[in-house]
Amino acid sequence: MATHVIGTAEGRVTAHKLDAIGWGLFFIWVGIAFLANLGWGVGLLGVGMLVLGGQLARKYLGLTFESFWAVVGALFVIGGIWELLSVRVSLIPILCIVAGVALVLSALVSTPRQ
């Protein structure tokens, strides 16, 4: 396990490099997916794996784990699998329902901040 401390100059440099590498890999993957005509399912799955891999790298390097990007990565993976399996039900309404339920539950469970 690396010894980077969140908020240090070394940690910020590492986070910046990791972000640059992630964006570079994203554009390389999208280019390959378009050139090879891999389809939306494989493309989305690859993007999701890159995003989740970036969050795993952040955790391994002792940087702040970004929950938002982990959720985005998971949604890309789900969307890719959904497309590859050719599911007939639209994913958007299901995601809206899940998001709504999550918001309602978080409002009911959370404690007020002072």
N, C-alpha and C. Protein backbone atom coordinates (compact mmCIF):
# COMPACT_ATOMS: atom_id res chain seq x y z
N MET A 1 0.85 -1.17 0.00
CA MET A 1 0.00 0.00 0.00
C MET A 1 0.89 1.23 0.00
N ALA A 2 0.60 2.19 -0.86
CA ALA A 2 1.39 3.42 -0.94
C ALA A 2 1.10 4.28 0.28
N THR A 3 2.01 5.23 0.54
CA THR A 3 1.87 6.04 1.75
C THR A 3 1.48 7.47 1.44
N HIS A 4 0.79 7.71 0.34
CA HIS A 4 0.35 9.07 0.02
C HIS A 4 -0.68 9.52 1.04
N VAL A 5 -0.57 10.74 1.47
CA VAL A 5 -1.53 11.29 2.41
C VAL A 5 -2.41 12.27 1.66
N ILE A 6 -3.70 12.12 1.85
CA ILE A 6 -4.66 13.01 1.19
C ILE A 6 -4.37 14.45 1.58
N GLY A 7 -4.28 15.32 0.61
CA GLY A 7 -4.07 16.73 0.88
C GLY A 7 -2.62 17.18 0.83
N THR A 8 -1.68 16.25 0.75
CA THR A 8 -0.28 16.64 0.66
C THR A 8 0.05 17.01 -0.78
N ALA A 9 1.16 17.71 -0.97
CA ALA A 9 1.59 18.09 -2.32
C ALA A 9 1.84 16.85 -3.16
N GLU A 10 2.46 15.85 -2.56
CA GLU A 10 2.74 14.60 -3.28
C GLU A 10 1.43 13.91 -3.68
N GLY A 11 0.46 13.92 -2.78
CA GLY A 11 -0.83 13.31 -3.08
C GLY A 11 -1.56 14.03 -4.19
N ARG A 12 -1.47 15.38 -4.21
CA ARG A 12 -2.12 16.15 -5.28
C ARG A 12 -1.47 15.87 -6.63
N VAL A 13 -0.15 15.76 -6.65
CA VAL A 13 0.56 15.46 -7.90
C VAL A 13 0.17 14.08 -8.39
N THR A 14 0.13 13.11 -7.49
CA THR A 14 -0.26 11.75 -7.85
C THR A 14 -1.69 11.73 -8.39
N ALA A 15 -2.59 12.44 -7.72
CA ALA A 15 -3.99 12.48 -8.17
C ALA A 15 -4.09 13.11 -9.55
N HIS A 16 -3.32 14.18 -9.79
CA HIS A 16 -3.33 14.84 -11.10
C HIS A 16 -2.82 13.89 -12.19
N LYS A 17 -1.73 13.17 -11.91
CA LYS A 17 -1.19 12.22 -12.88
C LYS A 17 -2.18 11.10 -13.15
N LEU A 18 -2.80 10.60 -12.10
CA LEU A 18 -3.78 9.53 -12.26
C LEU A 18 -4.97 9.99 -13.09
N ASP A 19 -5.43 11.22 -12.85
CA ASP A 19 -6.53 11.77 -13.65
C ASP A 19 -6.13 11.90 -15.12
N ALA A 20 -4.91 12.37 -15.39
CA ALA A 20 -4.44 12.52 -16.77
C ALA A 20 -4.34 11.16 -17.45
N ILE A 21 -3.83 10.17 -16.73
CA ILE A 21 -3.74 8.82 -17.28
C ILE A 21 -5.13 8.27 -17.58
N GLY A 22 -6.07 8.49 -16.65
CA GLY A 22 -7.44 8.03 -16.84
C GLY A 22 -8.09 8.63 -18.07
N TRP A 23 -7.94 9.95 -18.23
CA TRP A 23 -8.53 10.60 -19.41
C TRP A 23 -7.85 10.13 -20.69
N GLY A 24 -6.54 9.93 -20.63
CA GLY A 24 -5.83 9.42 -21.80
C GLY A 24 -6.34 8.04 -22.20
N LEU A 25 -6.48 7.15 -21.22
CA LEU A 25 -7.00 5.81 -21.49
C LEU A 25 -8.43 5.85 -22.01
N PHE A 26 -9.23 6.79 -21.47
CA PHE A 26 -10.60 6.95 -21.94
C PHE A 26 -10.63 7.27 -23.44
N PHE A 27 -9.84 8.26 -23.86
CA PHE A 27 -9.85 8.65 -25.27
C PHE A 27 -9.27 7.56 -26.16
N ILE A 28 -8.24 6.86 -25.68
CA ILE A 28 -7.70 5.74 -26.45
C ILE A 28 -8.77 4.66 -26.63
N TRP A 29 -9.47 4.32 -25.54
CA TRP A 29 -10.49 3.28 -25.60
C TRP A 29 -11.63 3.69 -26.55
N VAL A 30 -12.11 4.93 -26.43
CA VAL A 30 -13.20 5.37 -27.30
C VAL A 30 -12.75 5.32 -28.76
N GLY A 31 -11.51 5.75 -29.04
CA GLY A 31 -11.00 5.68 -30.40
C GLY A 31 -10.94 4.25 -30.92
N ILE A 32 -10.44 3.34 -30.10
CA ILE A 32 -10.39 1.93 -30.51
C ILE A 32 -11.79 1.37 -30.73
N ALA A 33 -12.70 1.69 -29.82
CA ALA A 33 -14.07 1.18 -29.94
C ALA A 33 -14.74 1.67 -31.22
N PHE A 34 -14.51 2.94 -31.57
CA PHE A 34 -15.09 3.46 -32.81
C PHE A 34 -14.43 2.87 -34.04
N LEU A 35 -13.10 2.81 -34.04
CA LEU A 35 -12.38 2.27 -35.20
C LEU A 35 -12.71 0.81 -35.45
N ALA A 36 -12.81 0.04 -34.38
CA ALA A 36 -13.09 -1.39 -34.51
C ALA A 36 -14.58 -1.69 -34.61
N ASN A 37 -15.41 -0.64 -34.52
CA ASN A 37 -16.86 -0.78 -34.60
C ASN A 37 -17.35 -1.86 -33.62
N LEU A 38 -16.94 -1.70 -32.35
CA LEU A 38 -17.26 -2.70 -31.33
C LEU A 38 -18.71 -2.65 -30.85
N GLY A 39 -19.38 -1.55 -31.06
CA GLY A 39 -20.76 -1.42 -30.60
C GLY A 39 -20.85 -0.73 -29.25
N TRP A 40 -22.06 -0.29 -28.94
CA TRP A 40 -22.29 0.47 -27.71
C TRP A 40 -22.07 -0.36 -26.46
N GLY A 41 -22.46 -1.62 -26.48
CA GLY A 41 -22.34 -2.45 -25.29
C GLY A 41 -20.90 -2.61 -24.85
N VAL A 42 -20.02 -2.98 -25.76
CA VAL A 42 -18.60 -3.15 -25.44
C VAL A 42 -17.98 -1.80 -25.09
N GLY A 43 -18.37 -0.75 -25.82
CA GLY A 43 -17.84 0.58 -25.53
C GLY A 43 -18.18 1.05 -24.13
N LEU A 44 -19.44 0.93 -23.76
CA LEU A 44 -19.87 1.34 -22.42
C LEU A 44 -19.22 0.48 -21.34
N LEU A 45 -19.13 -0.80 -21.59
CA LEU A 45 -18.50 -1.71 -20.63
C LEU A 45 -17.03 -1.32 -20.41
N GLY A 46 -16.33 -1.01 -21.48
CA GLY A 46 -14.93 -0.60 -21.36
C GLY A 46 -14.77 0.70 -20.60
N VAL A 47 -15.62 1.67 -20.88
CA VAL A 47 -15.55 2.96 -20.16
C VAL A 47 -15.83 2.73 -18.67
N GLY A 48 -16.82 1.92 -18.37
CA GLY A 48 -17.13 1.62 -16.97
C GLY A 48 -15.97 0.95 -16.26
N MET A 49 -15.32 0.03 -16.93
CA MET A 49 -14.17 -0.65 -16.32
C MET A 49 -13.01 0.34 -16.09
N LEU A 50 -12.81 1.27 -17.03
CA LEU A 50 -11.76 2.28 -16.84
C LEU A 50 -12.06 3.17 -15.63
N VAL A 51 -13.31 3.60 -15.50
CA VAL A 51 -13.68 4.47 -14.39
C VAL A 51 -13.53 3.74 -13.06
N LEU A 52 -14.02 2.50 -13.00
CA LEU A 52 -13.89 1.73 -11.76
C LEU A 52 -12.42 1.41 -11.46
N GLY A 53 -11.64 1.12 -12.50
CA GLY A 53 -10.21 0.89 -12.31
C GLY A 53 -9.51 2.12 -11.76
N GLY A 54 -9.92 3.29 -12.23
CA GLY A 54 -9.35 4.54 -11.70
C GLY A 54 -9.65 4.72 -10.22
N GLN A 55 -10.84 4.36 -9.82
CA GLN A 55 -11.19 4.48 -8.40
C GLN A 55 -10.44 3.45 -7.55
N LEU A 56 -10.24 2.25 -8.09
CA LEU A 56 -9.44 1.27 -7.37
C LEU A 56 -8.00 1.74 -7.23
N ALA A 57 -7.47 2.36 -8.28
CA ALA A 57 -6.10 2.90 -8.22
C ALA A 57 -6.01 4.01 -7.18
N ARG A 58 -7.03 4.88 -7.12
CA ARG A 58 -7.04 5.95 -6.11
C ARG A 58 -7.00 5.35 -4.71
N LYS A 59 -7.80 4.33 -4.48
CA LYS A 59 -7.85 3.69 -3.16
C LYS A 59 -6.49 3.05 -2.84
N TYR A 60 -5.92 2.35 -3.80
CA TYR A 60 -4.63 1.68 -3.61
C TYR A 60 -3.52 2.68 -3.30
N LEU A 61 -3.56 3.85 -3.97
CA LEU A 61 -2.52 4.86 -3.78
C LEU A 61 -2.76 5.76 -2.57
N GLY A 62 -3.82 5.50 -1.82
CA GLY A 62 -4.10 6.27 -0.61
C GLY A 62 -4.74 7.61 -0.89
N LEU A 63 -5.34 7.77 -2.06
CA LEU A 63 -6.03 9.01 -2.42
C LEU A 63 -7.50 8.88 -2.05
N THR A 64 -8.21 9.99 -2.11
CA THR A 64 -9.63 9.99 -1.80
C THR A 64 -10.40 9.15 -2.81
N PHE A 65 -11.17 8.20 -2.30
CA PHE A 65 -12.05 7.40 -3.15
C PHE A 65 -13.26 8.26 -3.46
N GLU A 66 -13.57 8.43 -4.75
CA GLU A 66 -14.67 9.30 -5.17
C GLU A 66 -15.90 8.45 -5.47
N SER A 67 -16.84 8.46 -4.54
CA SER A 67 -18.05 7.64 -4.66
C SER A 67 -18.85 7.97 -5.92
N PHE A 68 -18.91 9.25 -6.26
CA PHE A 68 -19.66 9.66 -7.45
C PHE A 68 -19.14 8.92 -8.68
N TRP A 69 -17.82 8.92 -8.87
CA TRP A 69 -17.24 8.27 -10.06
C TRP A 69 -17.37 6.76 -9.98
N ALA A 70 -17.39 6.20 -8.79
CA ALA A 70 -17.61 4.76 -8.66
C ALA A 70 -19.03 4.40 -9.12
N VAL A 71 -19.99 5.23 -8.76
CA VAL A 71 -21.37 5.01 -9.19
C VAL A 71 -21.48 5.18 -10.71
N VAL A 72 -20.83 6.23 -11.25
CA VAL A 72 -20.85 6.45 -12.70
C VAL A 72 -20.25 5.25 -13.42
N GLY A 73 -19.12 4.75 -12.92
CA GLY A 73 -18.49 3.58 -13.52
C GLY A 73 -19.40 2.36 -13.49
N ALA A 74 -20.05 2.15 -12.35
CA ALA A 74 -20.97 1.02 -12.23
C ALA A 74 -22.13 1.17 -13.20
N LEU A 75 -22.63 2.39 -13.38
CA LEU A 75 -23.73 2.61 -14.33
C LEU A 75 -23.29 2.34 -15.76
N PHE A 76 -22.06 2.72 -16.12
CA PHE A 76 -21.55 2.41 -17.44
C PHE A 76 -21.45 0.90 -17.65
N VAL A 77 -20.96 0.18 -16.64
CA VAL A 77 -20.87 -1.27 -16.74
C VAL A 77 -22.26 -1.88 -16.90
N ILE A 78 -23.20 -1.44 -16.09
CA ILE A 78 -24.58 -1.95 -16.18
C ILE A 78 -25.16 -1.64 -17.56
N GLY A 79 -24.94 -0.41 -18.03
CA GLY A 79 -25.44 -0.05 -19.36
C GLY A 79 -24.83 -0.89 -20.46
N GLY A 80 -23.53 -1.18 -20.34
CA GLY A 80 -22.87 -2.02 -21.34
C GLY A 80 -23.41 -3.44 -21.34
N ILE A 81 -23.56 -4.00 -20.16
CA ILE A 81 -24.11 -5.35 -20.05
C ILE A 81 -25.55 -5.37 -20.56
N TRP A 82 -26.31 -4.34 -20.21
CA TRP A 82 -27.71 -4.23 -20.65
C TRP A 82 -27.77 -4.26 -22.17
N GLU A 83 -26.88 -3.49 -22.81
CA GLU A 83 -26.85 -3.42 -24.27
C GLU A 83 -26.40 -4.74 -24.88
N LEU A 84 -25.38 -5.36 -24.30
CA LEU A 84 -24.88 -6.63 -24.83
C LEU A 84 -25.91 -7.74 -24.73
N LEU A 85 -26.72 -7.72 -23.68
CA LEU A 85 -27.75 -8.74 -23.51
C LEU A 85 -29.03 -8.42 -24.28
N SER A 86 -29.07 -7.25 -24.90
CA SER A 86 -30.24 -6.80 -25.69
C SER A 86 -31.53 -6.89 -24.88
N VAL A 87 -31.49 -6.38 -23.65
CA VAL A 87 -32.68 -6.38 -22.80
C VAL A 87 -33.72 -5.45 -23.42
N ARG A 88 -34.94 -5.89 -23.49
CA ARG A 88 -36.00 -5.14 -24.15
C ARG A 88 -36.55 -3.98 -23.32
N VAL A 89 -36.40 -4.04 -22.02
CA VAL A 89 -36.90 -2.98 -21.14
C VAL A 89 -35.88 -1.85 -21.14
N SER A 90 -36.36 -0.61 -21.27
CA SER A 90 -35.46 0.54 -21.28
C SER A 90 -34.81 0.71 -19.91
N LEU A 91 -33.53 1.02 -19.92
CA LEU A 91 -32.76 1.14 -18.68
C LEU A 91 -33.05 2.46 -17.95
N ILE A 92 -33.34 3.52 -18.69
CA ILE A 92 -33.52 4.85 -18.10
C ILE A 92 -34.65 4.88 -17.06
N PRO A 93 -35.84 4.37 -17.36
CA PRO A 93 -36.89 4.40 -16.32
C PRO A 93 -36.50 3.62 -15.07
N ILE A 94 -35.82 2.52 -15.23
CA ILE A 94 -35.39 1.74 -14.08
C ILE A 94 -34.39 2.53 -13.25
N LEU A 95 -33.43 3.19 -13.91
CA LEU A 95 -32.45 4.01 -13.20
C LEU A 95 -33.11 5.18 -12.49
N CYS A 96 -34.13 5.77 -13.11
CA CYS A 96 -34.86 6.86 -12.46
C CYS A 96 -35.56 6.38 -11.19
N ILE A 97 -36.18 5.21 -11.26
CA ILE A 97 -36.85 4.65 -10.09
C ILE A 97 -35.84 4.36 -8.98
N VAL A 98 -34.72 3.75 -9.34
CA VAL A 98 -33.68 3.43 -8.35
C VAL A 98 -33.12 4.71 -7.72
N ALA A 99 -32.87 5.73 -8.54
CA ALA A 99 -32.36 7.00 -8.02
C ALA A 99 -33.37 7.64 -7.07
N GLY A 100 -34.64 7.61 -7.45
CA GLY A 100 -35.68 8.17 -6.59
C GLY A 100 -35.79 7.45 -5.26
N VAL A 101 -35.77 6.13 -5.29
CA VAL A 101 -35.83 5.35 -4.06
C VAL A 101 -34.61 5.64 -3.19
N ALA A 102 -33.43 5.74 -3.80
CA ALA A 102 -32.21 6.04 -3.04
C ALA A 102 -32.30 7.41 -2.38
N LEU A 103 -32.83 8.41 -3.09
CA LEU A 103 -32.96 9.74 -2.51
C LEU A 103 -33.95 9.76 -1.35
N VAL A 104 -35.08 9.10 -1.52
CA VAL A 104 -36.07 9.04 -0.45
C VAL A 104 -35.50 8.34 0.77
N LEU A 105 -34.84 7.21 0.56
CA LEU A 105 -34.25 6.48 1.69
C LEU A 105 -33.16 7.29 2.38
N SER A 106 -32.33 7.99 1.60
CA SER A 106 -31.27 8.78 2.22
C SER A 106 -31.86 9.92 3.04
N ALA A 107 -32.98 10.49 2.60
CA ALA A 107 -33.62 11.56 3.37
C ALA A 107 -34.24 11.02 4.65
N LEU A 108 -34.77 9.82 4.61
CA LEU A 108 -35.40 9.23 5.79
C LEU A 108 -34.39 8.71 6.79
N VAL A 109 -33.26 8.24 6.32
CA VAL A 109 -32.27 7.60 7.19
C VAL A 109 -31.26 8.59 7.74
N SER A 110 -30.95 9.64 7.01
CA SER A 110 -29.88 10.55 7.41
C SER A 110 -30.26 11.35 8.65
N THR A 111 -29.21 11.71 9.40
CA THR A 111 -29.41 12.56 10.57
C THR A 111 -29.12 13.99 10.20
N PRO A 112 -29.84 14.96 10.77
CA PRO A 112 -29.61 16.36 10.43
C PRO A 112 -28.23 16.83 10.88
N ARG A 113 -27.59 17.64 10.04
CA ARG A 113 -26.29 18.21 10.39
C ARG A 113 -26.48 19.55 11.07
N GLN A 114 -25.57 19.86 11.97
CA GLN A 114 -25.70 21.12 12.68
C GLN A 114 -24.62 22.09 12.27
